[in-house]
Structure formats: C-alpha cells, structure tokens
Amino acid sequence: PPTLFGRQLDPIIARNHRNHHRNPWDP
C-alpha cells in the first residue's frame, strides 16, 4: 500500500492478492 498526499492507498487487486497468499488453499 503506497502513501499519496498523506493518504494510504490499497488497490483491490493487490489486497485480493494478499488474501490469496494468506490462504492459498482456497482457489
């Protein structure tokens, strides 16, 4: 998650991918 103008951004596609890595047992 990058910070832009003091606000942290977290695109859905990157957040989804972290969910995927934390639980790789659910396709």
mmCIF file of all heavy atoms, coordinates in Angstrom:
data_MODEL
# 
_entry.id   MODEL 
# 
loop_
_atom_site.group_PDB 
_atom_site.id 
_atom_site.type_symbol 
_atom_site.label_atom_id 
_atom_site.label_alt_id 
_atom_site.label_comp_id 
_atom_site.label_asym_id 
_atom_site.label_entity_id 
_atom_site.label_seq_id 
_atom_site.pdbx_PDB_ins_code 
_atom_site.Cartn_x 
_atom_site.Cartn_y 
_atom_site.Cartn_z 
_atom_site.occupancy 
_atom_site.B_iso_or_equiv 
_atom_site.pdbx_formal_charge 
_atom_site.auth_seq_id 
_atom_site.auth_comp_id 
_atom_site.auth_asym_id 
_atom_site.auth_atom_id 
_atom_site.pdbx_PDB_model_num 
ATOM 1   N N   . PRO A 1 1  ? 0.821   -1.217  0.000   1.00 0.00 ? 1  PRO A N   1 
ATOM 2   C CA  . PRO A 1 1  ? 0.000   0.000   0.000   1.00 0.00 ? 1  PRO A CA  1 
ATOM 3   C C   . PRO A 1 1  ? 0.855   1.267   0.000   1.00 0.00 ? 1  PRO A C   1 
ATOM 4   O O   . PRO A 1 1  ? 1.559   1.542   0.973   1.00 0.00 ? 1  PRO A O   1 
ATOM 5   C CB  . PRO A 1 1  ? -0.808  -0.121  1.292   1.00 0.00 ? 1  PRO A CB  1 
ATOM 6   C CG  . PRO A 1 1  ? -0.853  -1.582  1.566   1.00 0.00 ? 1  PRO A CG  1 
ATOM 7   C CD  . PRO A 1 1  ? 0.453   -2.134  1.094   1.00 0.00 ? 1  PRO A CD  1 
ATOM 8   N N   . PRO A 1 2  ? 0.827   2.044   -1.092  1.00 0.00 ? 2  PRO A N   1 
ATOM 9   C CA  . PRO A 1 2  ? 1.615   3.278   -1.130  1.00 0.00 ? 2  PRO A CA  1 
ATOM 10  C C   . PRO A 1 2  ? 0.889   4.423   -0.425  1.00 0.00 ? 2  PRO A C   1 
ATOM 11  O O   . PRO A 1 2  ? -0.334  4.377   -0.224  1.00 0.00 ? 2  PRO A O   1 
ATOM 12  C CB  . PRO A 1 2  ? 1.730   3.556   -2.628  1.00 0.00 ? 2  PRO A CB  1 
ATOM 13  C CG  . PRO A 1 2  ? 0.454   2.999   -3.189  1.00 0.00 ? 2  PRO A CG  1 
ATOM 14  C CD  . PRO A 1 2  ? 0.117   1.792   -2.353  1.00 0.00 ? 2  PRO A CD  1 
ATOM 15  N N   . THR A 1 3  ? 1.630   5.443   -0.061  1.00 0.00 ? 3  THR A N   1 
ATOM 16  C CA  . THR A 1 3  ? 1.054   6.644   0.549   1.00 0.00 ? 3  THR A CA  1 
ATOM 17  C C   . THR A 1 3  ? 1.154   7.793   -0.439  1.00 0.00 ? 3  THR A C   1 
ATOM 18  O O   . THR A 1 3  ? 2.240   8.095   -0.942  1.00 0.00 ? 3  THR A O   1 
ATOM 19  C CB  . THR A 1 3  ? 1.787   7.009   1.847   1.00 0.00 ? 3  THR A CB  1 
ATOM 20  O OG1 . THR A 1 3  ? 1.665   5.917   2.774   1.00 0.00 ? 3  THR A OG1 1 
ATOM 21  C CG2 . THR A 1 3  ? 1.192   8.257   2.476   1.00 0.00 ? 3  THR A CG2 1 
ATOM 22  N N   . LEU A 1 4  ? 0.029   8.422   -0.719  1.00 0.00 ? 4  LEU A N   1 
ATOM 23  C CA  . LEU A 1 4  ? -0.022  9.524   -1.660  1.00 0.00 ? 4  LEU A CA  1 
ATOM 24  C C   . LEU A 1 4  ? -0.723  10.707  -1.011  1.00 0.00 ? 4  LEU A C   1 
ATOM 25  O O   . LEU A 1 4  ? -1.869  10.606  -0.593  1.00 0.00 ? 4  LEU A O   1 
ATOM 26  C CB  . LEU A 1 4  ? -0.773  9.089   -2.925  1.00 0.00 ? 4  LEU A CB  1 
ATOM 27  C CG  . LEU A 1 4  ? -0.834  10.105  -4.065  1.00 0.00 ? 4  LEU A CG  1 
ATOM 28  C CD1 . LEU A 1 4  ? 0.567   10.395  -4.609  1.00 0.00 ? 4  LEU A CD1 1 
ATOM 29  C CD2 . LEU A 1 4  ? -1.737  9.596   -5.186  1.00 0.00 ? 4  LEU A CD2 1 
ATOM 30  N N   . PHE A 1 5  ? 0.015   11.827  -0.899  1.00 0.00 ? 5  PHE A N   1 
ATOM 31  C CA  . PHE A 1 5  ? -0.509  13.039  -0.260  1.00 0.00 ? 5  PHE A CA  1 
ATOM 32  C C   . PHE A 1 5  ? -1.036  12.744  1.150   1.00 0.00 ? 5  PHE A C   1 
ATOM 33  O O   . PHE A 1 5  ? -2.095  13.227  1.554   1.00 0.00 ? 5  PHE A O   1 
ATOM 34  C CB  . PHE A 1 5  ? -1.617  13.668  -1.107  1.00 0.00 ? 5  PHE A CB  1 
ATOM 35  C CG  . PHE A 1 5  ? -1.169  14.039  -2.493  1.00 0.00 ? 5  PHE A CG  1 
ATOM 36  C CD1 . PHE A 1 5  ? -1.726  13.407  -3.596  1.00 0.00 ? 5  PHE A CD1 1 
ATOM 37  C CD2 . PHE A 1 5  ? -0.190  15.000  -2.688  1.00 0.00 ? 5  PHE A CD2 1 
ATOM 38  C CE1 . PHE A 1 5  ? -1.312  13.738  -4.880  1.00 0.00 ? 5  PHE A CE1 1 
ATOM 39  C CE2 . PHE A 1 5  ? 0.230   15.331  -3.979  1.00 0.00 ? 5  PHE A CE2 1 
ATOM 40  C CZ  . PHE A 1 5  ? -0.329  14.717  -5.075  1.00 0.00 ? 5  PHE A CZ  1 
ATOM 41  N N   . GLY A 1 6  ? -0.279  11.920  1.874   1.00 0.00 ? 6  GLY A N   1 
ATOM 42  C CA  . GLY A 1 6  ? -0.630  11.616  3.251   1.00 0.00 ? 6  GLY A CA  1 
ATOM 43  C C   . GLY A 1 6  ? -1.721  10.578  3.420   1.00 0.00 ? 6  GLY A C   1 
ATOM 44  O O   . GLY A 1 6  ? -2.121  10.261  4.542   1.00 0.00 ? 6  GLY A O   1 
ATOM 45  N N   . ARG A 1 7  ? -2.209  10.024  2.309   1.00 0.00 ? 7  ARG A N   1 
ATOM 46  C CA  . ARG A 1 7  ? -3.274  9.025   2.387   1.00 0.00 ? 7  ARG A CA  1 
ATOM 47  C C   . ARG A 1 7  ? -2.771  7.706   1.830   1.00 0.00 ? 7  ARG A C   1 
ATOM 48  O O   . ARG A 1 7  ? -2.178  7.659   0.763   1.00 0.00 ? 7  ARG A O   1 
ATOM 49  C CB  . ARG A 1 7  ? -4.491  9.489   1.582   1.00 0.00 ? 7  ARG A CB  1 
ATOM 50  C CG  . ARG A 1 7  ? -5.666  8.518   1.640   1.00 0.00 ? 7  ARG A CG  1 
ATOM 51  C CD  . ARG A 1 7  ? -6.840  9.062   0.869   1.00 0.00 ? 7  ARG A CD  1 
ATOM 52  N NE  . ARG A 1 7  ? -7.970  8.133   0.906   1.00 0.00 ? 7  ARG A NE  1 
ATOM 53  C CZ  . ARG A 1 7  ? -9.119  8.333   0.287   1.00 0.00 ? 7  ARG A CZ  1 
ATOM 54  N NH1 . ARG A 1 7  ? -9.303  9.454   -0.420  1.00 0.00 ? 7  ARG A NH1 1 
ATOM 55  N NH2 . ARG A 1 7  ? -10.092 7.444   0.378   1.00 0.00 ? 7  ARG A NH2 1 
ATOM 56  N N   . GLN A 1 8  ? -3.009  6.634   2.564   1.00 0.00 ? 8  GLN A N   1 
ATOM 57  C CA  . GLN A 1 8  ? -2.556  5.321   2.126   1.00 0.00 ? 8  GLN A CA  1 
ATOM 58  C C   . GLN A 1 8  ? -3.571  4.691   1.182   1.00 0.00 ? 8  GLN A C   1 
ATOM 59  O O   . GLN A 1 8  ? -4.767  4.638   1.468   1.00 0.00 ? 8  GLN A O   1 
ATOM 60  C CB  . GLN A 1 8  ? -2.322  4.398   3.316   1.00 0.00 ? 8  GLN A CB  1 
ATOM 61  C CG  . GLN A 1 8  ? -1.525  3.154   2.967   1.00 0.00 ? 8  GLN A CG  1 
ATOM 62  C CD  . GLN A 1 8  ? -1.087  2.395   4.204   1.00 0.00 ? 8  GLN A CD  1 
ATOM 63  O OE1 . GLN A 1 8  ? -1.903  2.025   5.021   1.00 0.00 ? 8  GLN A OE1 1 
ATOM 64  N NE2 . GLN A 1 8  ? 0.217   2.161   4.329   1.00 0.00 ? 8  GLN A NE2 1 
ATOM 65  N N   . LEU A 1 9  ? -3.066  4.258   0.041   1.00 0.00 ? 9  LEU A N   1 
ATOM 66  C CA  . LEU A 1 9  ? -3.912  3.639   -0.971  1.00 0.00 ? 9  LEU A CA  1 
ATOM 67  C C   . LEU A 1 9  ? -3.705  2.126   -0.960  1.00 0.00 ? 9  LEU A C   1 
ATOM 68  O O   . LEU A 1 9  ? -2.608  1.651   -0.705  1.00 0.00 ? 9  LEU A O   1 
ATOM 69  C CB  . LEU A 1 9  ? -3.575  4.200   -2.353  1.00 0.00 ? 9  LEU A CB  1 
ATOM 70  C CG  . LEU A 1 9  ? -3.609  5.718   -2.501  1.00 0.00 ? 9  LEU A CG  1 
ATOM 71  C CD1 . LEU A 1 9  ? -3.170  6.119   -3.898  1.00 0.00 ? 9  LEU A CD1 1 
ATOM 72  C CD2 . LEU A 1 9  ? -4.999  6.268   -2.190  1.00 0.00 ? 9  LEU A CD2 1 
ATOM 73  N N   . ASP A 1 10 ? -4.758  1.395   -1.238  1.00 0.00 ? 10 ASP A N   1 
ATOM 74  C CA  . ASP A 1 10 ? -4.655  -0.064  -1.265  1.00 0.00 ? 10 ASP A CA  1 
ATOM 75  C C   . ASP A 1 10 ? -5.598  -0.611  -2.320  1.00 0.00 ? 10 ASP A C   1 
ATOM 76  O O   . ASP A 1 10 ? -6.749  -0.937  -2.041  1.00 0.00 ? 10 ASP A O   1 
ATOM 77  C CB  . ASP A 1 10 ? -4.998  -0.659  0.109   1.00 0.00 ? 10 ASP A CB  1 
ATOM 78  C CG  . ASP A 1 10 ? -4.521  -2.096  0.253   1.00 0.00 ? 10 ASP A CG  1 
ATOM 79  O OD1 . ASP A 1 10 ? -3.804  -2.569  -0.650  1.00 0.00 ? 10 ASP A OD1 1 
ATOM 80  O OD2 . ASP A 1 10 ? -4.847  -2.732  1.267   1.00 0.00 ? 10 ASP A OD2 1 
ATOM 81  N N   . PRO A 1 11 ? -5.132  -0.705  -3.583  1.00 0.00 ? 11 PRO A N   1 
ATOM 82  C CA  . PRO A 1 11 ? -5.999  -1.181  -4.664  1.00 0.00 ? 11 PRO A CA  1 
ATOM 83  C C   . PRO A 1 11 ? -6.581  -2.563  -4.381  1.00 0.00 ? 11 PRO A C   1 
ATOM 84  O O   . PRO A 1 11 ? -5.923  -3.412  -3.764  1.00 0.00 ? 11 PRO A O   1 
ATOM 85  C CB  . PRO A 1 11 ? -5.049  -1.224  -5.872  1.00 0.00 ? 11 PRO A CB  1 
ATOM 86  C CG  . PRO A 1 11 ? -3.937  -0.292  -5.524  1.00 0.00 ? 11 PRO A CG  1 
ATOM 87  C CD  . PRO A 1 11 ? -3.778  -0.389  -4.035  1.00 0.00 ? 11 PRO A CD  1 
ATOM 88  N N   . ILE A 1 12 ? -7.803  -2.779  -4.824  1.00 0.00 ? 12 ILE A N   1 
ATOM 89  C CA  . ILE A 1 12 ? -8.472  -4.057  -4.584  1.00 0.00 ? 12 ILE A CA  1 
ATOM 90  C C   . ILE A 1 12 ? -7.649  -5.226  -5.117  1.00 0.00 ? 12 ILE A C   1 
ATOM 91  O O   . ILE A 1 12 ? -7.528  -6.255  -4.459  1.00 0.00 ? 12 ILE A O   1 
ATOM 92  C CB  . ILE A 1 12 ? -9.866  -4.059  -5.242  1.00 0.00 ? 12 ILE A CB  1 
ATOM 93  C CG1 . ILE A 1 12 ? -10.818 -3.142  -4.468  1.00 0.00 ? 12 ILE A CG1 1 
ATOM 94  C CG2 . ILE A 1 12 ? -10.452 -5.467  -5.291  1.00 0.00 ? 12 ILE A CG2 1 
ATOM 95  C CD1 . ILE A 1 12 ? -12.191 -3.017  -5.110  1.00 0.00 ? 12 ILE A CD1 1 
ATOM 96  N N   . ILE A 1 13 ? -7.069  -5.066  -6.295  1.00 0.00 ? 13 ILE A N   1 
ATOM 97  C CA  . ILE A 1 13 ? -6.367  -6.187  -6.904  1.00 0.00 ? 13 ILE A CA  1 
ATOM 98  C C   . ILE A 1 13 ? -5.166  -6.614  -6.063  1.00 0.00 ? 13 ILE A C   1 
ATOM 99  O O   . ILE A 1 13 ? -4.877  -7.812  -5.940  1.00 0.00 ? 13 ILE A O   1 
ATOM 100 C CB  . ILE A 1 13 ? -5.935  -5.840  -8.351  1.00 0.00 ? 13 ILE A CB  1 
ATOM 101 C CG1 . ILE A 1 13 ? -5.424  -7.104  -9.054  1.00 0.00 ? 13 ILE A CG1 1 
ATOM 102 C CG2 . ILE A 1 13 ? -4.914  -4.707  -8.383  1.00 0.00 ? 13 ILE A CG2 1 
ATOM 103 C CD1 . ILE A 1 13 ? -5.218  -6.922  -10.548 1.00 0.00 ? 13 ILE A CD1 1 
ATOM 104 N N   . ALA A 1 14 ? -4.469  -5.660  -5.439  1.00 0.00 ? 14 ALA A N   1 
ATOM 105 C CA  . ALA A 1 14 ? -3.329  -6.002  -4.582  1.00 0.00 ? 14 ALA A CA  1 
ATOM 106 C C   . ALA A 1 14 ? -3.805  -6.588  -3.260  1.00 0.00 ? 14 ALA A C   1 
ATOM 107 O O   . ALA A 1 14 ? -3.224  -7.546  -2.736  1.00 0.00 ? 14 ALA A O   1 
ATOM 108 C CB  . ALA A 1 14 ? -2.462  -4.768  -4.341  1.00 0.00 ? 14 ALA A CB  1 
ATOM 109 N N   . ARG A 1 15 ? -4.870  -6.023  -2.693  1.00 0.00 ? 15 ARG A N   1 
ATOM 110 C CA  . ARG A 1 15 ? -5.402  -6.540  -1.426  1.00 0.00 ? 15 ARG A CA  1 
ATOM 111 C C   . ARG A 1 15 ? -5.943  -7.960  -1.609  1.00 0.00 ? 15 ARG A C   1 
ATOM 112 O O   . ARG A 1 15 ? -5.735  -8.832  -0.765  1.00 0.00 ? 15 ARG A O   1 
ATOM 113 C CB  . ARG A 1 15 ? -6.495  -5.616  -0.899  1.00 0.00 ? 15 ARG A CB  1 
ATOM 114 C CG  . ARG A 1 15 ? -6.929  -5.951  0.524   1.00 0.00 ? 15 ARG A CG  1 
ATOM 115 C CD  . ARG A 1 15 ? -7.777  -4.864  1.131   1.00 0.00 ? 15 ARG A CD  1 
ATOM 116 N NE  . ARG A 1 15 ? -9.104  -4.803  0.554   1.00 0.00 ? 15 ARG A NE  1 
ATOM 117 C CZ  . ARG A 1 15 ? -9.558  -3.808  -0.200  1.00 0.00 ? 15 ARG A CZ  1 
ATOM 118 N NH1 . ARG A 1 15 ? -8.768  -2.794  -0.500  1.00 0.00 ? 15 ARG A NH1 1 
ATOM 119 N NH2 . ARG A 1 15 ? -10.795 -3.818  -0.663  1.00 0.00 ? 15 ARG A NH2 1 
ATOM 120 N N   . ASN A 1 16 ? -6.635  -8.171  -2.736  1.00 0.00 ? 16 ASN A N   1 
ATOM 121 C CA  . ASN A 1 16 ? -7.127  -9.519  -3.026  1.00 0.00 ? 16 ASN A CA  1 
ATOM 122 C C   . ASN A 1 16 ? -5.972  -10.512 -3.124  1.00 0.00 ? 16 ASN A C   1 
ATOM 123 O O   . ASN A 1 16 ? -6.080  -11.660 -2.677  1.00 0.00 ? 16 ASN A O   1 
ATOM 124 C CB  . ASN A 1 16 ? -7.911  -9.525  -4.338  1.00 0.00 ? 16 ASN A CB  1 
ATOM 125 C CG  . ASN A 1 16 ? -9.322  -8.998  -4.182  1.00 0.00 ? 16 ASN A CG  1 
ATOM 126 O OD1 . ASN A 1 16 ? -9.704  -8.517  -3.124  1.00 0.00 ? 16 ASN A OD1 1 
ATOM 127 N ND2 . ASN A 1 16 ? -10.101 -9.077  -5.246  1.00 0.00 ? 16 ASN A ND2 1 
ATOM 128 N N   . HIS A 1 17 ? -4.884  -10.078 -3.729  1.00 0.00 ? 17 HIS A N   1 
ATOM 129 C CA  . HIS A 1 17 ? -3.760  -10.994 -3.899  1.00 0.00 ? 17 HIS A CA  1 
ATOM 130 C C   . HIS A 1 17 ? -3.120  -11.336 -2.557  1.00 0.00 ? 17 HIS A C   1 
ATOM 131 O O   . HIS A 1 17 ? -2.647  -12.455 -2.372  1.00 0.00 ? 17 HIS A O   1 
ATOM 132 C CB  . HIS A 1 17 ? -2.716  -10.384 -4.834  1.00 0.00 ? 17 HIS A CB  1 
ATOM 133 C CG  . HIS A 1 17 ? -1.726  -11.389 -5.346  1.00 0.00 ? 17 HIS A CG  1 
ATOM 134 N ND1 . HIS A 1 17 ? -2.076  -12.396 -6.221  1.00 0.00 ? 17 HIS A ND1 1 
ATOM 135 C CD2 . HIS A 1 17 ? -0.402  -11.571 -5.080  1.00 0.00 ? 17 HIS A CD2 1 
ATOM 136 C CE1 . HIS A 1 17 ? -1.011  -13.136 -6.491  1.00 0.00 ? 17 HIS A CE1 1 
ATOM 137 N NE2 . HIS A 1 17 ? 0.010   -12.666 -5.810  1.00 0.00 ? 17 HIS A NE2 1 
ATOM 138 N N   . ARG A 1 18 ? -3.132  -10.401 -1.629  1.00 0.00 ? 18 ARG A N   1 
ATOM 139 C CA  . ARG A 1 18 ? -2.610  -10.721 -0.290  1.00 0.00 ? 18 ARG A CA  1 
ATOM 140 C C   . ARG A 1 18 ? -3.540  -11.709 0.415   1.00 0.00 ? 18 ARG A C   1 
ATOM 141 O O   . ARG A 1 18 ? -3.078  -12.605 1.128   1.00 0.00 ? 18 ARG A O   1 
ATOM 142 C CB  . ARG A 1 18 ? -2.434  -9.441  0.529   1.00 0.00 ? 18 ARG A CB  1 
ATOM 143 C CG  . ARG A 1 18 ? -1.299  -8.567  0.025   1.00 0.00 ? 18 ARG A CG  1 
ATOM 144 C CD  . ARG A 1 18 ? -0.902  -7.522  1.052   1.00 0.00 ? 18 ARG A CD  1 
ATOM 145 N NE  . ARG A 1 18 ? -1.968  -6.571  1.310   1.00 0.00 ? 18 ARG A NE  1 
ATOM 146 C CZ  . ARG A 1 18 ? -2.206  -5.491  0.570   1.00 0.00 ? 18 ARG A CZ  1 
ATOM 147 N NH1 . ARG A 1 18 ? -1.453  -5.243  -0.485  1.00 0.00 ? 18 ARG A NH1 1 
ATOM 148 N NH2 . ARG A 1 18 ? -3.176  -4.666  0.868   1.00 0.00 ? 18 ARG A NH2 1 
ATOM 149 N N   . ASN A 1 19 ? -4.854  -11.546 0.243   1.00 0.00 ? 19 ASN A N   1 
ATOM 150 C CA  . ASN A 1 19 ? -5.780  -12.558 0.771   1.00 0.00 ? 19 ASN A CA  1 
ATOM 151 C C   . ASN A 1 19 ? -5.474  -13.927 0.174   1.00 0.00 ? 19 ASN A C   1 
ATOM 152 O O   . ASN A 1 19 ? -5.548  -14.949 0.860   1.00 0.00 ? 19 ASN A O   1 
ATOM 153 C CB  . ASN A 1 19 ? -7.229  -12.168 0.442   1.00 0.00 ? 19 ASN A CB  1 
ATOM 154 C CG  . ASN A 1 19 ? -7.739  -11.012 1.278   1.00 0.00 ? 19 ASN A CG  1 
ATOM 155 O OD1 . ASN A 1 19 ? -7.247  -10.760 2.374   1.00 0.00 ? 19 ASN A OD1 1 
ATOM 156 N ND2 . ASN A 1 19 ? -8.713  -10.289 0.759   1.00 0.00 ? 19 ASN A ND2 1 
ATOM 157 N N   . HIS A 1 20 ? -5.143  -13.927 -1.090  1.00 0.00 ? 20 HIS A N   1 
ATOM 158 C CA  . HIS A 1 20 ? -4.809  -15.160 -1.804  1.00 0.00 ? 20 HIS A CA  1 
ATOM 159 C C   . HIS A 1 20 ? -3.554  -15.803 -1.223  1.00 0.00 ? 20 HIS A C   1 
ATOM 160 O O   . HIS A 1 20 ? -3.511  -17.023 -1.002  1.00 0.00 ? 20 HIS A O   1 
ATOM 161 C CB  . HIS A 1 20 ? -4.614  -14.821 -3.281  1.00 0.00 ? 20 HIS A CB  1 
ATOM 162 C CG  . HIS A 1 20 ? -4.130  -15.938 -4.126  1.00 0.00 ? 20 HIS A CG  1 
ATOM 163 N ND1 . HIS A 1 20 ? -4.712  -17.191 -4.148  1.00 0.00 ? 20 HIS A ND1 1 
ATOM 164 C CD2 . HIS A 1 20 ? -3.100  -15.998 -5.018  1.00 0.00 ? 20 HIS A CD2 1 
ATOM 165 C CE1 . HIS A 1 20 ? -4.071  -17.965 -5.007  1.00 0.00 ? 20 HIS A CE1 1 
ATOM 166 N NE2 . HIS A 1 20 ? -3.083  -17.276 -5.544  1.00 0.00 ? 20 HIS A NE2 1 
ATOM 167 N N   . HIS A 1 21 ? -2.531  -15.012 -0.947  1.00 0.00 ? 21 HIS A N   1 
ATOM 168 C CA  . HIS A 1 21 ? -1.301  -15.559 -0.379  1.00 0.00 ? 21 HIS A CA  1 
ATOM 169 C C   . HIS A 1 21 ? -1.516  -16.048 1.047   1.00 0.00 ? 21 HIS A C   1 
ATOM 170 O O   . HIS A 1 21 ? -0.928  -17.053 1.455   1.00 0.00 ? 21 HIS A O   1 
ATOM 171 C CB  . HIS A 1 21 ? -0.184  -14.514 -0.404  1.00 0.00 ? 21 HIS A CB  1 
ATOM 172 C CG  . HIS A 1 21 ? 0.693   -14.617 -1.621  1.00 0.00 ? 21 HIS A CG  1 
ATOM 173 N ND1 . HIS A 1 21 ? 1.887   -15.304 -1.622  1.00 0.00 ? 21 HIS A ND1 1 
ATOM 174 C CD2 . HIS A 1 21 ? 0.533   -14.141 -2.878  1.00 0.00 ? 21 HIS A CD2 1 
ATOM 175 C CE1 . HIS A 1 21 ? 2.426   -15.245 -2.826  1.00 0.00 ? 21 HIS A CE1 1 
ATOM 176 N NE2 . HIS A 1 21 ? 1.631   -14.534 -3.610  1.00 0.00 ? 21 HIS A NE2 1 
ATOM 177 N N   . ARG A 1 22 ? -2.353  -15.368 1.804   1.00 0.00 ? 22 ARG A N   1 
ATOM 178 C CA  . ARG A 1 22 ? -2.582  -15.770 3.187   1.00 0.00 ? 22 ARG A CA  1 
ATOM 179 C C   . ARG A 1 22 ? -3.408  -17.044 3.281   1.00 0.00 ? 22 ARG A C   1 
ATOM 180 O O   . ARG A 1 22 ? -3.378  -17.740 4.283   1.00 0.00 ? 22 ARG A O   1 
ATOM 181 C CB  . ARG A 1 22 ? -3.271  -14.628 3.949   1.00 0.00 ? 22 ARG A CB  1 
ATOM 182 C CG  . ARG A 1 22 ? -2.309  -13.494 4.264   1.00 0.00 ? 22 ARG A CG  1 
ATOM 183 C CD  . ARG A 1 22 ? -3.022  -12.275 4.805   1.00 0.00 ? 22 ARG A CD  1 
ATOM 184 N NE  . ARG A 1 22 ? -2.038  -11.234 5.134   1.00 0.00 ? 22 ARG A NE  1 
ATOM 185 C CZ  . ARG A 1 22 ? -2.214  -9.942  4.947   1.00 0.00 ? 22 ARG A CZ  1 
ATOM 186 N NH1 . ARG A 1 22 ? -3.346  -9.514  4.423   1.00 0.00 ? 22 ARG A NH1 1 
ATOM 187 N NH2 . ARG A 1 22 ? -1.278  -9.087  5.271   1.00 0.00 ? 22 ARG A NH2 1 
ATOM 188 N N   . ASN A 1 23 ? -4.145  -17.326 2.235   1.00 0.00 ? 23 ASN A N   1 
ATOM 189 C CA  . ASN A 1 23 ? -4.925  -18.560 2.211   1.00 0.00 ? 23 ASN A CA  1 
ATOM 190 C C   . ASN A 1 23 ? -4.866  -19.171 0.811   1.00 0.00 ? 23 ASN A C   1 
ATOM 191 O O   . ASN A 1 23 ? -5.840  -19.112 0.058   1.00 0.00 ? 23 ASN A O   1 
ATOM 192 C CB  . ASN A 1 23 ? -6.373  -18.286 2.614   1.00 0.00 ? 23 ASN A CB  1 
ATOM 193 C CG  . ASN A 1 23 ? -7.182  -19.565 2.712   1.00 0.00 ? 23 ASN A CG  1 
ATOM 194 O OD1 . ASN A 1 23 ? -6.646  -20.665 2.545   1.00 0.00 ? 23 ASN A OD1 1 
ATOM 195 N ND2 . ASN A 1 23 ? -8.464  -19.445 2.970   1.00 0.00 ? 23 ASN A ND2 1 
ATOM 196 N N   . PRO A 1 24 ? -3.735  -19.752 0.432   1.00 0.00 ? 24 PRO A N   1 
ATOM 197 C CA  . PRO A 1 24 ? -3.595  -20.325 -0.910  1.00 0.00 ? 24 PRO A CA  1 
ATOM 198 C C   . PRO A 1 24 ? -4.380  -21.614 -1.114  1.00 0.00 ? 24 PRO A C   1 
ATOM 199 O O   . PRO A 1 24 ? -4.360  -22.177 -2.205  1.00 0.00 ? 24 PRO A O   1 
ATOM 200 C CB  . PRO A 1 24 ? -2.081  -20.583 -1.006  1.00 0.00 ? 24 PRO A CB  1 
ATOM 201 C CG  . PRO A 1 24 ? -1.648  -20.792 0.406   1.00 0.00 ? 24 PRO A CG  1 
ATOM 202 C CD  . PRO A 1 24 ? -2.506  -19.874 1.230   1.00 0.00 ? 24 PRO A CD  1 
ATOM 203 N N   . TRP A 1 25 ? -5.080  -22.069 -0.079  1.00 0.00 ? 25 TRP A N   1 
ATOM 204 C CA  . TRP A 1 25 ? -5.844  -23.313 -0.174  1.00 0.00 ? 25 TRP A CA  1 
ATOM 205 C C   . TRP A 1 25 ? -7.243  -23.093 -0.738  1.00 0.00 ? 25 TRP A C   1 
ATOM 206 O O   . TRP A 1 25 ? -7.975  -24.038 -0.960  1.00 0.00 ? 25 TRP A O   1 
ATOM 207 C CB  . TRP A 1 25 ? -5.926  -23.966 1.201   1.00 0.00 ? 25 TRP A CB  1 
ATOM 208 C CG  . TRP A 1 25 ? -4.575  -24.266 1.776   1.00 0.00 ? 25 TRP A CG  1 
ATOM 209 C CD1 . TRP A 1 25 ? -3.790  -25.367 1.524   1.00 0.00 ? 25 TRP A CD1 1 
ATOM 210 C CD2 . TRP A 1 25 ? -3.833  -23.451 2.678   1.00 0.00 ? 25 TRP A CD2 1 
ATOM 211 N NE1 . TRP A 1 25 ? -2.608  -25.275 2.208   1.00 0.00 ? 25 TRP A NE1 1 
ATOM 212 C CE2 . TRP A 1 25 ? -2.602  -24.108 2.936   1.00 0.00 ? 25 TRP A CE2 1 
ATOM 213 C CE3 . TRP A 1 25 ? -4.068  -22.225 3.301   1.00 0.00 ? 25 TRP A CE3 1 
ATOM 214 C CZ2 . TRP A 1 25 ? -1.622  -23.581 3.779   1.00 0.00 ? 25 TRP A CZ2 1 
ATOM 215 C CZ3 . TRP A 1 25 ? -3.100  -21.691 4.136   1.00 0.00 ? 25 TRP A CZ3 1 
ATOM 216 C CH2 . TRP A 1 25 ? -1.895  -22.382 4.367   1.00 0.00 ? 25 TRP A CH2 1 
ATOM 217 N N   . ASP A 1 26 ? -7.636  -21.843 -0.939  1.00 0.00 ? 26 ASP A N   1 
ATOM 218 C CA  . ASP A 1 26 ? -8.947  -21.544 -1.498  1.00 0.00 ? 26 ASP A CA  1 
ATOM 219 C C   . ASP A 1 26 ? -8.756  -20.927 -2.885  1.00 0.00 ? 26 ASP A C   1 
ATOM 220 O O   . ASP A 1 26 ? -8.345  -19.774 -3.006  1.00 0.00 ? 26 ASP A O   1 
ATOM 221 C CB  . ASP A 1 26 ? -9.706  -20.567 -0.601  1.00 0.00 ? 26 ASP A CB  1 
ATOM 222 C CG  . ASP A 1 26 ? -11.160 -20.405 -1.021  1.00 0.00 ? 26 ASP A CG  1 
ATOM 223 O OD1 . ASP A 1 26 ? -11.468 -20.687 -2.194  1.00 0.00 ? 26 ASP A OD1 1 
ATOM 224 O OD2 . ASP A 1 26 ? -11.980 -20.003 -0.180  1.00 0.00 ? 26 ASP A OD2 1 
ATOM 225 N N   . PRO A 1 27 ? -9.045  -21.651 -3.964  1.00 0.00 ? 27 PRO A N   1 
ATOM 226 C CA  . PRO A 1 27 ? -8.754  -21.147 -5.317  1.00 0.00 ? 27 PRO A CA  1 
ATOM 227 C C   . PRO A 1 27 ? -9.538  -19.906 -5.698  1.00 0.00 ? 27 PRO A C   1 
ATOM 228 O O   . PRO A 1 27 ? -9.084  -19.118 -6.536  1.00 0.00 ? 27 PRO A O   1 
ATOM 229 C CB  . PRO A 1 27 ? -9.116  -22.335 -6.209  1.00 0.00 ? 27 PRO A CB  1 
ATOM 230 C CG  . PRO A 1 27 ? -10.105 -23.129 -5.417  1.00 0.00 ? 27 PRO A CG  1 
ATOM 231 C CD  . PRO A 1 27 ? -9.660  -22.986 -3.987  1.00 0.00 ? 27 PRO A CD  1 
# 
